[in-house]
Amino acid sequence: MTKVIIDKTADGEYKGFSLSGHAGFASKGKDIVCAAISMLVINTINSMEELSKEKMETIANEKAGRITCRFKEQLSEGGSLLMDSMMLGLTYVEQQYGKKYLSVEFKEV
């Protein structure tokens, strides 16, 4: 199962997120759930860097199935919108395939 933890303040400000594990929906190279999750997360990170110029620290370990992203400053309106979009996509994947493969959680920081 892939676990995504979104770090937010009590006011709803995004502070970062982490992802760990592999979905386990199908064998390596055929796991559409893992591919969907990876695409949503990686596209969000790339878009935040290129389009909204967010300052962040990202650490990835593909083999272990881990990505950690911490925002160094408060996100711009565009950065927050990109995070909202990623959350929408991840929530849909979780609803479609179930918590057996993807768990999305929020942690107040």
Protein backbone atom coordinates (compact mmCIF):
# COMPACT_ATOMS: atom_id res chain seq x y z
CA MET A 1 0.00 0.00 0.00
CA THR A 2 1.08 3.58 -0.67
CA LYS A 3 0.61 5.99 2.19
CA VAL A 4 0.49 9.73 1.54
CA ILE A 5 0.66 12.13 4.47
CA ILE A 6 -0.12 15.79 3.84
CA ASP A 7 1.25 18.21 6.43
CA LYS A 8 -0.99 21.24 7.07
CA THR A 9 -1.29 23.88 9.75
CA ALA A 10 -4.48 24.42 11.73
CA ASP A 11 -5.28 27.26 9.26
CA GLY A 12 -5.04 24.84 6.32
CA GLU A 13 -1.64 26.03 5.03
CA TYR A 14 0.32 23.28 3.29
CA LYS A 15 3.76 22.63 4.79
CA GLY A 16 4.74 19.55 2.78
CA PHE A 17 3.93 15.92 2.15
CA SER A 18 5.43 12.48 2.16
CA LEU A 19 4.68 9.32 0.24
CA SER A 20 5.87 5.83 1.07
CA GLY A 21 5.36 2.32 -0.20
CA HIS A 22 4.17 0.71 -3.39
CA ALA A 23 0.47 0.28 -4.13
CA GLY A 24 0.67 -3.47 -4.79
CA PHE A 25 -2.29 -3.44 -7.16
CA ALA A 26 -0.39 -5.44 -9.80
CA SER A 27 3.14 -6.61 -10.56
CA LYS A 28 5.95 -4.14 -11.18
CA GLY A 29 5.51 -2.41 -14.52
CA LYS A 30 1.78 -3.20 -14.64
CA ASP A 31 0.61 -1.42 -11.47
CA ILE A 32 -1.75 1.28 -12.76
CA VAL A 33 -2.51 2.52 -9.23
CA CYS A 34 1.17 3.05 -8.44
CA ALA A 35 1.65 4.74 -11.81
CA ALA A 36 -1.29 7.09 -11.20
CA ILE A 37 -0.03 8.04 -7.74
CA SER A 38 3.52 8.60 -9.00
CA MET A 39 2.34 10.71 -11.92
CA LEU A 40 0.16 12.92 -9.73
CA VAL A 41 2.91 13.49 -7.16
CA ILE A 42 5.83 13.97 -9.56
CA ASN A 43 3.81 16.24 -11.86
CA THR A 44 2.81 18.37 -8.87
CA ILE A 45 6.42 18.71 -7.71
CA ASN A 46 7.61 19.58 -11.22
CA SER A 47 4.76 22.06 -11.74
CA MET A 48 5.44 23.75 -8.40
CA GLU A 49 9.10 24.17 -9.33
CA GLU A 50 8.55 25.32 -12.92
CA LEU A 51 5.23 27.16 -12.87
CA SER A 52 4.81 28.67 -9.42
CA LYS A 53 8.53 28.78 -8.51
CA GLU A 54 7.99 27.36 -5.01
CA LYS A 55 10.98 26.95 -2.74
CA MET A 56 11.02 23.38 -1.47
CA GLU A 57 13.23 20.49 -0.53
CA THR A 58 12.45 17.17 -2.18
CA ILE A 59 14.04 13.82 -1.37
CA ALA A 60 13.17 10.75 -3.43
CA ASN A 61 14.11 7.09 -3.22
CA GLU A 62 12.45 5.31 -6.15
CA LYS A 63 13.45 1.83 -5.06
CA ALA A 64 11.96 2.26 -1.59
CA GLY A 65 8.94 4.09 -3.00
CA ARG A 66 9.53 7.22 -0.94
CA ILE A 67 9.17 10.90 -1.70
CA THR A 68 9.33 13.69 0.85
CA CYS A 69 8.63 17.30 -0.04
CA ARG A 70 8.92 20.18 2.45
CA PHE A 71 8.00 23.76 1.60
CA LYS A 72 10.57 26.32 2.72
CA GLU A 73 8.13 29.23 2.54
CA GLN A 74 4.40 29.79 2.49
CA LEU A 75 3.02 28.62 -0.83
CA SER A 76 1.80 31.08 -3.40
CA GLU A 77 -1.81 30.95 -4.55
CA GLY A 78 -0.66 28.91 -7.55
CA GLY A 79 1.29 26.48 -5.36
CA SER A 80 -1.72 25.96 -3.10
CA LEU A 81 -3.90 25.34 -6.14
CA LEU A 82 -1.44 22.73 -7.43
CA MET A 83 -1.50 20.99 -4.03
CA ASP A 84 -5.32 21.08 -4.02
CA SER A 85 -5.27 19.51 -7.49
CA MET A 86 -2.89 16.75 -6.37
CA MET A 87 -5.12 16.07 -3.37
CA LEU A 88 -8.18 15.86 -5.61
CA GLY A 89 -6.47 13.34 -7.87
CA LEU A 90 -5.13 11.24 -5.00
CA THR A 91 -8.52 11.23 -3.30
CA TYR A 92 -10.17 9.99 -6.50
CA VAL A 93 -7.61 7.20 -6.85
CA GLU A 94 -8.17 6.24 -3.21
CA GLN A 95 -11.97 6.19 -3.72
CA GLN A 96 -11.76 4.25 -6.99
CA TYR A 97 -9.31 1.53 -5.87
CA GLY A 98 -9.68 1.56 -2.09
CA LYS A 99 -7.55 2.06 0.99
CA LYS A 100 -6.01 -1.36 0.40
CA TYR A 101 -3.79 0.30 -2.23
CA LEU A 102 -3.70 3.99 -1.24
CA SER A 103 -4.20 5.82 2.05
CA VAL A 104 -4.30 9.63 2.07
CA GLU A 105 -4.03 11.25 5.49
CA PHE A 106 -3.65 14.76 6.85
CA LYS A 107 -1.33 15.61 9.72
CA GLU A 108 -1.56 18.91 11.56
CA VAL A 109 1.85 20.49 12.03
